[in-house]
């Protein structure tokens, strides 16, 4: 008998705004069998998994897409780890942390990765599906008797295994931590390594600053530092690379890898290049977002990422993506030839003690320009000049194009659903075939159209913000860090969607991002920023992709090789034979044709 999973998304179920189609069209309900009813506590629909026949009619009839019903293999029934409640998300299986290893977790958002690390960090007691009773460690230990998982969980339950967890959404830290950075870190320094961690994380410039004044990258490094300073047996890092530039990402990866030599480390990471560089073993998670998640068997990191890109798990005989994600071995076309849309003369900008200068350049119709460089070297400042938010001290921008701007930090202050927000901001364009095909589909907006904007998670807010920007009637689209909080698959689909939208509509985009894979997939040319972070910045380009990548990676002293099977870029170990050969040849990213 199959395991039936029936989920009702409370944030999308609106009985007061529908005709209760789920009940009216349910075949057993029409013959007198109670399958669906409204909860007296929440007023939302409740589905009986015992009497449901999984016909799927309620799924298609619900006007708000609030219902999911899935049949899973019977053998999974005994492997349920946690269930949040009746008709709510459930997780199957757990990975096993190992001392001396970095374990990576890879999978879509909403599939259970954060639930996994909350359980392994001791912040959530697994209820094994028994949501009606209070979760109990004794039951969990009995369920895992004689396994490696029991050996891990027992000291956790007894309080003798100490854990440290770096949360996913670091931009929320100022809401709960009011003190200055230095004071916060002194308070959590259990290992007596404050000075070394401050140096490794490059925090010296803002130790006296309150958290509320920090940028996203500074908050991320502060959160990682606070986690590293705790004296724990197992460390958990949930998306440690968000908001960091590639130099900082590699530095964090090296610090975490060094920590793993004497501790257990588990990392959730969506930057595939960094995950490949950092982890030895990866557990893929698959399932249906918000409905259920299954932890697959462990794989070596190279095999795990290649299988993930292919979209098919052979050992599990499960397809997790409709199409394979491919990378090209050769560099893109060296020059974009089209009508000039925007010209900027050499610019000088002064802003709060920061000085930026850029070379003059042109942006052409239909071109996507990637913008790469370390944090705090003027990329966002430059984008704000193009958006008309800042006036340069010298120089200027010429062009008649209308501008649509997605800022780095998103604030969607709106009371209502995602659909209502989109209709209010960009009108009937939301219903057009162009928007549905080129914007909504790659950004996976359908499942969140009826969600309240105030309830959106970070990745959902990002997708809506990108849609608002791309849906505006403009000639130039400026997107600042669109990959932040998107999972690996969403990043690649978003890159493909942005690329297609610009090509098909003959529009132009400038995109600031730190995910090199994302930029490689979306951009035709590159601007490169260098300088002393927080003090001076210099922007050059646009260059061809090969020239731009080589200039950028030469500045941060990183080289990439190509995977022999998928052609995806992989970071070379510093000073390895390949690293030395490619740097000597001046080919830091693209293989020589």
Protein backbone atom coordinates (compact mmCIF):
# COMPACT_ATOMS: atom_id res chain seq x y z
CA UNK A 1 0.00 0.00 0.00
CA UNK A 2 1.40 3.38 -1.01
CA UNK A 3 2.12 6.16 1.46
CA UNK A 4 -0.40 8.93 0.77
CA UNK A 5 0.76 12.50 1.34
CA UNK A 6 -1.99 15.14 1.36
CA UNK A 7 -0.90 18.73 1.96
CA UNK A 8 -2.97 21.89 2.26
CA UNK A 9 -0.99 25.13 2.08
CA UNK A 10 -2.59 27.30 4.76
CA UNK A 11 -1.25 30.51 3.24
CA UNK A 12 -2.98 29.71 -0.07
CA UNK A 13 -6.25 28.19 1.18
CA UNK A 14 -9.00 30.86 1.23
CA UNK A 15 -12.43 29.25 1.86
CA UNK A 16 -13.99 32.69 2.22
CA UNK A 17 -12.99 33.51 -1.36
CA UNK A 18 -14.05 30.32 -3.15
CA UNK A 19 -17.05 28.01 -3.52
CA UNK A 20 -15.38 25.11 -1.70
CA UNK A 21 -14.72 23.37 -4.99
CA UNK A 22 -12.47 20.83 -3.27
CA UNK A 23 -15.51 19.49 -1.40
CA UNK A 24 -18.07 19.93 -4.15
CA UNK A 25 -16.16 17.90 -6.73
CA UNK A 26 -14.66 15.21 -4.46
CA UNK A 27 -16.18 11.82 -5.55
CA UNK A 28 -16.23 10.20 -2.07
CA UNK A 29 -17.75 13.37 -0.58
CA UNK A 30 -20.57 13.19 -3.12
CA UNK A 31 -21.38 9.65 -1.94
CA UNK A 32 -21.39 10.59 1.74
CA UNK A 33 -17.81 9.76 2.79
CA UNK A 34 -16.15 12.57 4.73
CA UNK A 35 -12.82 13.40 3.11
CA UNK A 36 -12.51 17.18 3.29
CA UNK A 37 -13.80 19.59 5.92
CA UNK A 38 -13.00 23.02 7.34
CA UNK A 39 -10.95 23.14 10.53
CA UNK A 40 -12.72 24.75 13.48
CA UNK A 41 -9.39 26.22 14.61
CA UNK A 42 -8.01 27.68 11.38
CA UNK A 43 -11.01 27.76 9.06
CA UNK A 44 -8.84 26.10 6.39
CA UNK A 45 -9.48 22.86 4.53
CA UNK A 46 -8.46 19.56 6.11
CA UNK A 47 -8.04 16.34 4.09
CA UNK A 48 -8.34 12.82 5.51
CA UNK A 49 -5.51 10.76 4.04
CA UNK A 50 -7.32 7.59 5.15
CA UNK A 51 -10.48 8.20 3.10
CA UNK A 52 -8.94 10.19 0.21
CA UNK A 53 -8.75 8.13 -3.01
CA UNK A 54 -6.06 10.40 -4.53
CA UNK A 55 -8.11 11.07 -7.67
CA UNK A 56 -6.55 14.55 -7.98
CA UNK A 57 -9.81 16.34 -8.78
CA UNK A 58 -9.55 18.68 -5.80
CA UNK A 59 -6.04 19.68 -6.90
CA UNK A 60 -7.24 20.85 -10.31
CA UNK A 61 -10.48 22.41 -9.03
CA UNK A 62 -8.93 24.48 -6.21
CA UNK A 63 -8.78 28.06 -7.56
CA UNK A 64 -5.82 28.91 -5.33
CA UNK A 65 -3.59 25.88 -6.03
CA UNK A 66 -3.61 25.11 -2.31
CA UNK A 67 -3.71 21.29 -2.41
CA UNK A 68 -1.15 18.60 -3.14
CA UNK A 69 -1.81 14.84 -3.00
CA UNK A 70 1.02 12.41 -3.74
CA UNK A 71 1.41 8.64 -3.48
CA UNK A 72 4.89 7.56 -2.37
CA UNK A 73 6.46 4.08 -2.25
CA UNK A 74 5.31 2.01 0.71
CA UNK A 75 8.84 1.48 2.01
CA UNK A 76 9.15 5.20 2.78
CA UNK A 77 6.47 4.84 5.46
CA UNK A 78 8.99 3.54 7.98
CA UNK A 79 11.56 6.19 7.05
CA UNK A 80 9.53 9.29 7.93
CA UNK A 81 11.66 11.55 10.10
CA UNK A 82 9.39 14.49 10.80
CA UNK A 83 5.93 15.75 10.01
CA UNK A 84 4.88 19.28 10.89
CA UNK A 85 1.18 18.49 11.28
CA UNK A 86 -1.91 17.19 9.55
CA UNK A 87 -1.71 17.97 5.83
CA UNK A 88 1.71 19.57 6.26
CA UNK A 89 5.24 18.96 5.02
CA UNK A 90 7.04 15.75 5.93
CA UNK A 91 10.67 14.68 5.67
CA UNK A 92 12.01 11.21 4.91
CA UNK A 93 15.50 10.03 5.93
CA UNK A 94 18.45 11.90 7.39
CA UNK A 95 22.10 12.32 6.38
CA UNK A 96 24.79 11.24 8.84
CA UNK A 97 27.41 13.87 9.80
CA UNK A 98 30.96 12.55 10.05
CA UNK A 99 33.89 14.01 11.92
CA UNK A 100 36.64 15.09 9.56
CA UNK A 101 34.25 15.60 6.63
CA UNK A 102 32.23 18.42 5.11
CA UNK A 103 28.81 17.02 4.27
CA UNK A 104 26.88 19.05 1.68
CA UNK A 105 23.11 19.23 1.24
CA UNK A 106 21.87 20.09 -2.25
CA UNK A 107 18.30 20.47 -3.44
CA UNK A 108 15.52 22.96 -4.17
CA UNK A 109 14.20 25.42 -1.62
CA UNK A 110 11.22 24.11 0.35
CA UNK A 111 12.41 20.51 0.16
CA UNK A 112 13.57 20.06 3.77
CA UNK A 113 17.25 21.07 3.95
CA UNK A 114 16.72 23.52 6.80
CA UNK A 115 14.55 20.94 8.59
CA UNK A 116 17.44 18.47 8.29
CA UNK A 117 20.01 20.77 9.85
CA UNK A 118 17.60 21.91 12.57
CA UNK A 119 17.18 18.26 13.59
CA UNK A 120 20.90 17.46 13.38
CA UNK A 121 21.69 20.65 15.33
CA UNK A 122 19.28 19.61 18.09
CA UNK A 123 16.90 22.52 17.56
CA UNK A 124 14.06 20.26 16.37
CA UNK A 125 13.20 16.85 17.85
CA UNK A 126 12.11 14.43 15.08
CA UNK A 127 8.56 13.17 15.69
CA UNK A 128 8.77 10.30 13.15
CA UNK A 129 5.42 11.41 11.75
CA UNK A 130 3.60 11.41 15.10
CA UNK A 131 2.72 15.08 15.03
CA UNK A 132 -0.21 14.71 17.47
CA UNK A 133 2.12 13.81 20.33
CA UNK A 134 5.00 15.77 21.75
CA UNK A 135 8.20 14.71 20.01
CA UNK A 136 10.42 12.56 22.22
CA UNK A 137 14.13 11.78 21.87
CA UNK A 138 13.64 8.28 23.34
CA UNK A 139 11.28 7.33 20.50
CA UNK A 140 13.72 8.70 17.93
CA UNK A 141 16.66 6.80 19.44
CA UNK A 142 14.63 3.60 19.50
CA UNK A 143 13.70 4.06 15.83
CA UNK A 144 17.36 4.39 14.86
CA UNK A 145 18.64 1.61 17.13
CA UNK A 146 21.81 -0.03 15.86
CA UNK A 147 22.53 2.62 13.22
CA UNK A 148 25.10 5.39 12.73
CA UNK A 149 22.28 7.87 13.15
CA UNK A 150 21.57 6.62 16.67
CA UNK A 151 25.26 7.05 17.51
CA UNK A 152 25.00 10.65 16.36
CA UNK A 153 21.64 11.46 17.97
CA UNK A 154 22.22 9.89 21.40
CA UNK A 155 24.76 12.46 22.67
CA UNK A 156 22.62 15.17 21.07
CA UNK A 157 19.62 13.97 23.10
CA UNK A 158 21.71 13.67 26.26
CA UNK A 159 23.07 17.18 25.83
CA UNK A 160 26.70 16.08 25.51
CA UNK A 161 27.01 16.87 21.78
CA UNK A 162 27.35 20.61 21.31
CA UNK A 163 26.27 22.20 18.03
CA UNK A 164 26.55 25.59 16.35
CA UNK A 165 24.24 26.75 13.57
CA UNK A 166 24.67 29.64 11.12
CA UNK A 167 21.10 30.56 10.05
CA UNK A 168 19.99 31.07 6.47
CA UNK A 169 18.55 34.58 6.58
CA UNK A 170 21.32 36.76 8.00
CA UNK A 171 19.47 39.95 7.08
CA UNK A 172 17.14 39.24 10.03
CA UNK A 173 19.97 39.32 12.58
CA UNK A 174 19.68 43.08 13.32
CA UNK A 175 16.10 42.43 14.48
CA UNK A 176 17.31 40.21 17.34
CA UNK A 177 20.86 41.47 17.96
CA UNK A 178 21.20 45.16 18.83
CA UNK A 179 24.83 45.34 20.01
CA UNK A 180 27.93 46.19 18.03
CA UNK A 181 29.75 43.51 16.05
CA UNK A 182 32.75 43.34 18.40
CA UNK A 183 30.55 43.06 21.48
CA UNK A 184 28.49 40.29 19.88
CA UNK A 185 31.57 38.27 18.91
CA UNK A 186 33.23 38.69 22.31
CA UNK A 187 30.08 37.31 23.90
CA UNK A 188 30.12 34.09 21.85
CA UNK A 189 33.89 33.48 21.76
CA UNK A 190 34.10 30.12 23.49
CA UNK A 191 37.26 29.00 21.70
CA UNK A 192 39.44 32.02 22.47
CA UNK A 193 40.10 32.61 18.77
CA UNK A 194 38.44 35.99 18.30
CA UNK A 195 41.47 37.73 16.79
CA UNK A 196 42.15 34.92 14.30
CA UNK A 197 38.51 34.68 13.19
CA UNK A 198 38.21 38.47 12.85
CA UNK A 199 41.25 38.38 10.56
CA UNK A 200 40.02 35.38 8.55
CA UNK A 201 36.57 36.91 8.03
CA UNK A 202 37.98 40.42 7.39
CA UNK A 203 35.83 42.03 10.08
CA UNK A 204 38.35 44.56 11.42
CA UNK A 205 36.83 47.49 9.57
CA UNK A 206 33.41 47.34 11.27
CA UNK A 207 33.85 45.80 14.75
CA UNK A 208 32.50 49.00 16.32
CA UNK A 209 29.44 49.12 14.03
CA UNK A 210 25.91 48.09 15.10
CA UNK A 211 24.51 45.17 13.11
CA UNK A 212 21.72 47.34 11.69
CA UNK A 213 24.28 49.40 9.75
CA UNK A 214 25.97 46.43 8.05
CA UNK A 215 25.63 45.36 4.42
CA UNK A 216 24.45 41.87 3.50
CA UNK A 217 28.01 40.64 2.99
CA UNK A 218 29.14 42.09 6.33
CA UNK A 219 26.19 40.47 8.10
CA UNK A 220 27.00 37.13 6.48
CA UNK A 221 30.64 37.22 7.55
CA UNK A 222 29.65 38.29 11.06
CA UNK A 223 27.19 35.38 11.34
CA UNK A 224 29.81 32.92 10.10
CA UNK A 225 32.37 34.32 12.55
CA UNK A 226 29.92 34.00 15.47
CA UNK A 227 29.32 30.36 14.51
CA UNK A 228 33.03 29.58 14.20
CA UNK A 229 33.76 31.06 17.63
CA UNK A 230 31.43 28.67 19.43
CA UNK A 231 33.01 25.55 20.90
CA UNK A 232 30.95 22.81 19.29
CA UNK A 233 31.27 19.22 18.13
CA UNK A 234 29.19 19.75 14.99
CA UNK A 235 28.81 22.92 12.93
CA UNK A 236 26.03 23.74 10.48
CA UNK A 237 26.18 26.48 7.86
CA UNK A 238 22.94 27.30 6.03
CA UNK A 239 23.81 29.10 2.77
CA UNK A 240 27.10 30.69 3.90
CA UNK A 241 27.97 32.27 0.52
CA UNK A 242 24.93 34.56 0.08
CA UNK A 243 25.98 38.20 -0.43
CA UNK A 244 29.69 37.30 -0.50
CA UNK A 245 31.93 37.91 -3.50
CA UNK A 246 33.96 35.03 -4.93
CA UNK A 247 37.10 36.00 -3.00
CA UNK A 248 35.16 35.98 0.26
CA UNK A 249 33.34 32.76 -0.67
CA UNK A 250 36.60 30.95 -1.23
CA UNK A 251 38.07 32.30 1.99
CA UNK A 252 34.99 31.13 3.93
CA UNK A 253 35.16 27.75 2.18
CA UNK A 254 38.80 27.30 3.20
CA UNK A 255 38.07 28.25 6.83
CA UNK A 256 35.12 25.83 6.99
CA UNK A 257 37.18 23.08 5.39
CA UNK A 258 39.96 23.62 7.94
CA UNK A 259 37.36 23.40 10.73
CA UNK A 260 36.12 20.07 9.37
CA UNK A 261 39.48 18.41 10.03
CA UNK A 262 38.62 18.29 13.73
CA UNK A 263 34.83 18.65 13.79
CA UNK A 264 31.69 17.51 11.94
CA UNK A 265 30.48 20.07 9.40
CA UNK A 266 27.26 20.18 7.38
CA UNK A 267 26.72 22.86 4.73
CA UNK A 268 23.67 23.88 2.69
CA UNK A 269 24.98 25.67 -0.39
CA UNK A 270 23.45 26.70 -3.73
CA UNK A 271 26.62 28.02 -5.36
CA UNK A 272 27.67 24.81 -7.11
CA UNK A 273 31.25 25.97 -7.67
CA UNK A 274 31.70 26.63 -3.94
CA UNK A 275 29.93 23.41 -2.90
CA UNK A 276 32.20 21.46 -5.27
CA UNK A 277 35.28 23.16 -3.78
CA UNK A 278 34.15 22.72 -0.17
CA UNK A 279 32.40 19.37 0.36
CA UNK A 280 33.64 15.78 0.13
CA UNK A 281 30.23 14.09 0.28
CA UNK A 282 26.84 15.45 -0.83
CA UNK A 283 23.31 14.29 -0.07
CA UNK A 284 20.78 15.31 -2.73
CA UNK A 285 17.24 16.08 -1.57
CA UNK A 286 14.29 15.61 -3.89
CA UNK A 287 10.50 15.60 -3.63
CA UNK A 288 7.87 18.31 -4.03
CA UNK A 289 8.34 21.77 -2.59
CA UNK A 290 6.36 22.34 0.57
CA UNK A 291 4.90 18.84 0.37
CA UNK A 292 7.59 16.27 1.11
CA UNK A 293 11.34 15.86 0.91
CA UNK A 294 13.47 12.71 0.61
CA UNK A 295 17.17 12.54 1.42
CA UNK A 296 18.91 10.46 -1.27
CA UNK A 297 21.93 8.25 -0.70
CA UNK A 298 25.31 9.98 -0.22
CA UNK A 299 27.48 10.59 -3.26
CA UNK A 300 30.99 12.00 -3.81
CA UNK A 301 30.66 15.70 -4.50
CA UNK A 302 31.56 15.53 -8.22
CA UNK A 303 29.10 12.71 -8.88
CA UNK A 304 26.36 14.42 -6.83
CA UNK A 305 26.57 17.72 -8.72
CA UNK A 306 26.74 16.03 -12.11
CA UNK A 307 23.70 13.88 -11.29
CA UNK A 308 21.90 17.00 -10.06
CA UNK A 309 22.63 18.85 -13.31
CA UNK A 310 21.50 15.86 -15.35
CA UNK A 311 18.23 15.83 -13.40
CA UNK A 312 18.01 12.05 -12.99
CA UNK A 313 18.96 9.98 -9.93
CA UNK A 314 19.82 6.54 -11.34
CA UNK A 315 20.08 4.70 -8.01
CA UNK A 316 16.64 5.98 -6.97
CA UNK A 317 15.20 5.86 -10.53
CA UNK A 318 13.77 9.34 -10.02
CA UNK A 319 13.73 12.31 -12.40
CA UNK A 320 14.04 15.58 -10.48
CA UNK A 321 14.09 18.03 -13.40
CA UNK A 322 12.39 18.19 -16.78
CA UNK A 323 15.58 18.94 -18.68
CA UNK A 324 19.32 18.62 -18.23
CA UNK A 325 21.36 21.74 -17.45
CA UNK A 326 24.24 22.09 -19.90
CA UNK A 327 27.39 24.19 -19.95
CA UNK A 328 29.38 25.16 -23.02
CA UNK A 329 33.07 24.29 -23.10
CA UNK A 330 34.04 27.25 -25.27
CA UNK A 331 33.82 30.93 -24.51
CA UNK A 332 30.80 32.82 -25.91
CA UNK A 333 31.02 35.07 -28.94
CA UNK A 334 33.73 37.67 -28.38
CA UNK A 335 31.76 40.78 -29.29
CA UNK A 336 28.13 41.88 -29.25
CA UNK A 337 27.18 43.78 -32.37
CA UNK A 338 23.96 45.78 -32.27
CA UNK A 339 22.59 49.31 -32.06
CA UNK A 340 23.95 51.36 -29.12
CA UNK A 341 21.26 51.94 -26.51
CA UNK A 342 23.17 53.64 -23.70
CA UNK A 343 26.50 55.44 -23.47
CA UNK A 344 28.27 56.49 -20.29
CA UNK A 345 31.30 58.77 -20.24
CA UNK A 346 34.05 58.28 -17.62
CA UNK A 347 32.27 58.71 -14.29
CA UNK A 348 33.35 59.89 -10.85
CA UNK A 349 31.04 59.38 -7.88
CA UNK A 350 31.56 60.35 -4.24
CA UNK A 351 29.24 58.82 -1.67
CA UNK A 352 29.67 58.76 2.13
CA UNK A 353 33.46 58.67 1.99
CA UNK A 354 33.56 56.23 -0.93
CA UNK A 355 35.01 57.24 -4.31
CA UNK A 356 34.17 55.45 -7.57
CA UNK A 357 35.56 56.04 -11.03
CA UNK A 358 34.64 54.15 -14.18
CA UNK A 359 35.85 54.12 -17.75
CA UNK A 360 33.44 55.21 -20.43
CA UNK A 361 31.51 52.50 -22.23
CA UNK A 362 28.50 51.57 -24.30
CA UNK A 363 25.65 49.11 -23.81
CA UNK A 364 23.91 47.78 -26.91
CA UNK A 365 20.36 46.78 -27.65
CA UNK A 366 19.63 43.16 -26.70
CA UNK A 367 22.87 42.83 -24.72
CA UNK A 368 23.15 41.39 -21.21
CA UNK A 369 26.10 42.84 -19.33
CA UNK A 370 27.34 40.97 -16.27
CA UNK A 371 28.92 43.05 -13.51
CA UNK A 372 31.57 41.30 -11.39
CA UNK A 373 33.88 42.45 -8.63
CA UNK A 374 34.53 42.32 -4.89
CA UNK A 375 31.94 43.66 -2.47
CA UNK A 376 32.00 47.39 -1.68
CA UNK A 377 33.91 48.37 -4.84
CA UNK A 378 31.09 50.36 -6.43
CA UNK A 379 28.98 47.92 -8.45
CA UNK A 380 25.70 48.90 -6.77
CA UNK A 381 26.74 52.57 -6.84
CA UNK A 382 27.25 52.33 -10.61
CA UNK A 383 23.89 50.63 -11.11
CA UNK A 384 22.19 53.37 -9.05
CA UNK A 385 23.80 56.01 -11.29
CA UNK A 386 22.35 54.25 -14.35
CA UNK A 387 18.98 54.03 -12.58
CA UNK A 388 19.01 57.78 -11.94
CA UNK A 389 19.13 57.42 -8.16
CA UNK A 390 22.61 58.97 -7.87
CA UNK A 391 24.15 61.90 -9.71
CA UNK A 392 27.86 61.51 -10.59
CA UNK A 393 30.37 64.19 -9.66
CA UNK A 394 31.71 64.16 -13.21
CA UNK A 395 30.59 62.43 -16.38
CA UNK A 396 27.12 61.33 -17.31
CA UNK A 397 24.85 58.81 -18.97
CA UNK A 398 23.33 59.33 -22.41
CA UNK A 399 20.39 57.39 -23.75
CA UNK A 400 16.63 57.66 -24.03
CA UNK A 401 15.86 54.19 -22.71
CA UNK A 402 13.36 53.62 -19.90
CA UNK A 403 14.89 51.90 -16.87
CA UNK A 404 13.56 49.13 -14.59
CA UNK A 405 15.58 48.54 -11.41
CA UNK A 406 15.65 45.65 -8.94
CA UNK A 407 17.71 46.70 -5.90
CA UNK A 408 20.00 44.45 -3.90
CA UNK A 409 17.91 44.55 -0.75
CA UNK A 410 14.25 43.74 -1.29
CA UNK A 411 11.36 45.24 0.66
CA UNK A 412 7.98 44.15 -0.67
CA UNK A 413 5.74 46.08 1.70
CA UNK A 414 2.30 45.09 0.43
CA UNK A 415 -0.92 43.80 1.98
CA UNK A 416 -2.34 41.26 -0.42
CA UNK A 417 -1.38 38.33 -2.64
CA UNK A 418 1.48 38.05 -5.11
CA UNK A 419 -0.99 38.14 -7.99
CA UNK A 420 -2.56 41.36 -6.66
CA UNK A 421 0.89 42.93 -6.24
CA UNK A 422 1.90 42.07 -9.80
CA UNK A 423 -1.40 43.30 -11.24
CA UNK A 424 -1.11 46.53 -9.26
CA UNK A 425 2.47 47.22 -10.35
CA UNK A 426 2.62 46.00 -13.96
CA UNK A 427 -1.05 45.63 -14.89
CA UNK A 428 -2.52 43.23 -17.43
CA UNK A 429 0.99 42.39 -18.64
CA UNK A 430 0.80 39.66 -15.95
CA UNK A 431 -1.82 37.81 -18.01
CA UNK A 432 0.07 38.05 -21.31
CA UNK A 433 1.50 34.94 -22.93
CA UNK A 434 4.91 36.65 -23.04
CA UNK A 435 4.97 37.21 -19.26
CA UNK A 436 3.69 33.72 -18.50
CA UNK A 437 6.22 32.04 -20.82
CA UNK A 438 9.33 34.20 -20.45
CA UNK A 439 9.01 35.44 -16.86
CA UNK A 440 6.51 33.53 -14.71
CA UNK A 441 7.43 30.03 -15.88
CA UNK A 442 11.23 30.19 -15.35
CA UNK A 443 10.74 32.02 -12.04
CA UNK A 444 8.17 29.44 -10.87
CA UNK A 445 5.56 32.05 -9.94
CA UNK A 446 2.49 29.85 -10.38
CA UNK A 447 2.79 28.10 -7.00
CA UNK A 448 3.05 31.42 -5.12
CA UNK A 449 0.53 33.62 -6.98
CA UNK A 450 -2.06 33.30 -4.20
CA UNK A 451 0.36 33.59 -1.28
CA UNK A 452 0.26 36.72 0.84
CA UNK A 453 3.27 38.91 0.09
CA UNK A 454 3.97 39.34 3.80
CA UNK A 455 4.40 35.55 4.17
CA UNK A 456 6.95 35.09 1.37
CA UNK A 457 10.30 33.48 2.17
CA UNK A 458 13.55 35.06 0.99
CA UNK A 459 13.79 33.12 -2.27
CA UNK A 460 10.12 33.77 -3.04
CA UNK A 461 10.58 37.50 -2.47
CA UNK A 462 13.56 37.45 -4.82
CA UNK A 463 11.58 35.75 -7.59
CA UNK A 464 8.72 38.23 -7.23
CA UNK A 465 11.14 41.18 -7.26
CA UNK A 466 12.78 39.88 -10.46
CA UNK A 467 9.33 39.43 -12.03
CA UNK A 468 8.34 42.98 -11.10
CA UNK A 469 11.50 44.30 -12.72
CA UNK A 470 11.25 42.18 -15.88
CA UNK A 471 7.52 42.80 -16.21
CA UNK A 472 7.92 46.57 -16.33
CA UNK A 473 7.78 48.25 -19.74
CA UNK A 474 11.40 49.34 -20.05
CA UNK A 475 14.37 49.27 -22.39
CA UNK A 476 17.09 48.69 -19.78
CA UNK A 477 16.77 46.29 -16.85
CA UNK A 478 19.12 46.70 -13.89
CA UNK A 479 19.18 43.66 -11.58
CA UNK A 480 21.32 43.77 -8.43
CA UNK A 481 22.16 40.28 -7.04
CA UNK A 482 19.15 38.43 -8.46
CA UNK A 483 20.53 35.00 -7.46
CA UNK A 484 20.53 35.70 -3.70
CA UNK A 485 18.40 33.13 -1.80
CA UNK A 486 17.50 31.24 -4.98
CA UNK A 487 18.34 27.55 -5.02
CA UNK A 488 20.70 26.13 -7.65
CA UNK A 489 17.95 25.12 -10.04
CA UNK A 490 16.10 28.44 -9.67
CA UNK A 491 19.33 30.33 -10.40
CA UNK A 492 19.88 28.49 -13.63
CA UNK A 493 16.23 28.76 -14.69
CA UNK A 494 16.23 32.48 -13.79
CA UNK A 495 19.41 33.00 -15.83
CA UNK A 496 17.85 31.20 -18.78
CA UNK A 497 14.63 33.21 -18.38
CA UNK A 498 16.41 36.57 -18.20
CA UNK A 499 18.55 35.62 -21.21
CA UNK A 500 15.52 34.61 -23.30
CA UNK A 501 13.45 37.63 -22.20
CA UNK A 502 16.17 40.05 -23.33
CA UNK A 503 16.74 38.24 -26.63
CA UNK A 504 13.08 37.87 -27.56
CA UNK A 505 12.09 41.42 -26.64
CA UNK A 506 15.29 43.08 -27.88
CA UNK A 507 15.91 44.57 -24.44
CA UNK A 508 19.10 45.26 -22.49
CA UNK A 509 20.12 44.22 -18.98
CA UNK A 510 22.95 44.91 -16.55
CA UNK A 511 23.22 42.25 -13.86
CA UNK A 512 25.32 42.42 -10.70
CA UNK A 513 25.93 39.00 -9.14
CA UNK A 514 28.57 36.94 -7.35
CA UNK A 515 27.59 33.50 -8.67
CA UNK A 516 30.02 32.95 -11.54
CA UNK A 517 27.88 30.13 -12.99
CA UNK A 518 24.88 32.48 -13.08
CA UNK A 519 26.81 35.26 -14.79
CA UNK A 520 28.31 32.84 -17.30
CA UNK A 521 24.85 31.57 -18.28
CA UNK A 522 23.17 34.96 -18.57
CA UNK A 523 25.75 37.47 -19.83
CA UNK A 524 27.08 38.47 -23.26
CA UNK A 525 29.78 40.80 -21.91
CA UNK A 526 31.32 41.80 -18.58
CA UNK A 527 32.17 44.88 -16.57
CA UNK A 528 34.86 44.31 -13.95
CA UNK A 529 35.19 46.30 -10.71
CA UNK A 530 38.31 46.47 -8.55
CA UNK A 531 39.51 48.70 -5.72
CA UNK A 532 39.82 48.98 -1.95
CA UNK A 533 36.49 47.82 -0.51
CA UNK A 534 34.56 50.59 1.19
CA UNK A 535 36.99 53.31 0.10
CA UNK A 536 37.69 53.29 -3.63
CA UNK A 537 36.40 51.46 -6.67
CA UNK A 538 37.21 51.36 -10.36
CA UNK A 539 34.93 49.98 -13.07
CA UNK A 540 36.18 48.95 -16.50
CA UNK A 541 34.52 47.46 -19.56
CA UNK A 542 32.24 46.11 -20.88
CA UNK A 543 34.62 43.45 -22.18
CA UNK A 544 34.01 40.26 -24.13
CA UNK A 545 33.18 37.33 -21.83
CA UNK A 546 36.60 35.69 -22.19
CA UNK A 547 38.51 38.93 -21.63
CA UNK A 548 36.25 39.97 -18.75
CA UNK A 549 36.42 36.62 -16.96
CA UNK A 550 40.19 36.50 -17.28
CA UNK A 551 40.56 40.05 -15.94
CA UNK A 552 38.22 39.39 -13.02
CA UNK A 553 39.65 36.01 -11.99
CA UNK A 554 43.22 37.23 -12.41
CA UNK A 555 42.41 40.00 -9.91
CA UNK A 556 41.05 37.54 -7.33
CA UNK A 557 43.72 34.90 -8.17
CA UNK A 558 41.28 32.05 -8.93
CA UNK A 559 41.19 29.68 -11.90
CA UNK A 560 38.55 27.21 -13.08
CA UNK A 561 38.87 23.91 -14.95
CA UNK A 562 36.14 22.07 -16.87
CA UNK A 563 34.48 18.85 -15.72
CA UNK A 564 35.18 16.18 -18.33
CA UNK A 565 31.56 14.92 -18.40
CA UNK A 566 29.37 18.01 -17.99
CA UNK A 567 31.78 20.81 -19.00
CA UNK A 568 30.73 22.72 -15.88
CA UNK A 569 33.43 25.00 -14.44
CA UNK A 570 35.20 23.71 -11.30
CA UNK A 571 37.50 25.76 -9.08
CA UNK A 572 41.12 24.62 -9.19
CA UNK A 573 42.92 24.01 -5.93
CA UNK A 574 45.32 26.92 -5.34
CA UNK A 575 48.80 26.27 -6.73
CA UNK A 576 47.79 22.90 -8.19
CA UNK A 577 49.34 21.86 -11.50
CA UNK A 578 46.23 22.90 -13.47
CA UNK A 579 46.02 26.16 -11.56
CA UNK A 580 49.60 27.04 -12.44
CA UNK A 581 49.28 25.98 -16.08
CA UNK A 582 46.06 27.93 -16.72
CA UNK A 583 47.33 31.05 -15.00
CA UNK A 584 50.55 30.89 -17.02
CA UNK A 585 48.45 30.63 -20.21
CA UNK A 586 46.19 33.50 -19.12
CA UNK A 587 43.10 31.24 -19.33
CA UNK A 588 41.40 31.51 -15.93
CA UNK A 589 37.93 30.31 -16.94
CA UNK A 590 37.36 29.27 -20.54
CA UNK A 591 39.39 26.48 -22.04
CA UNK A 592 41.58 27.36 -24.98
CA UNK A 593 39.58 26.60 -28.15
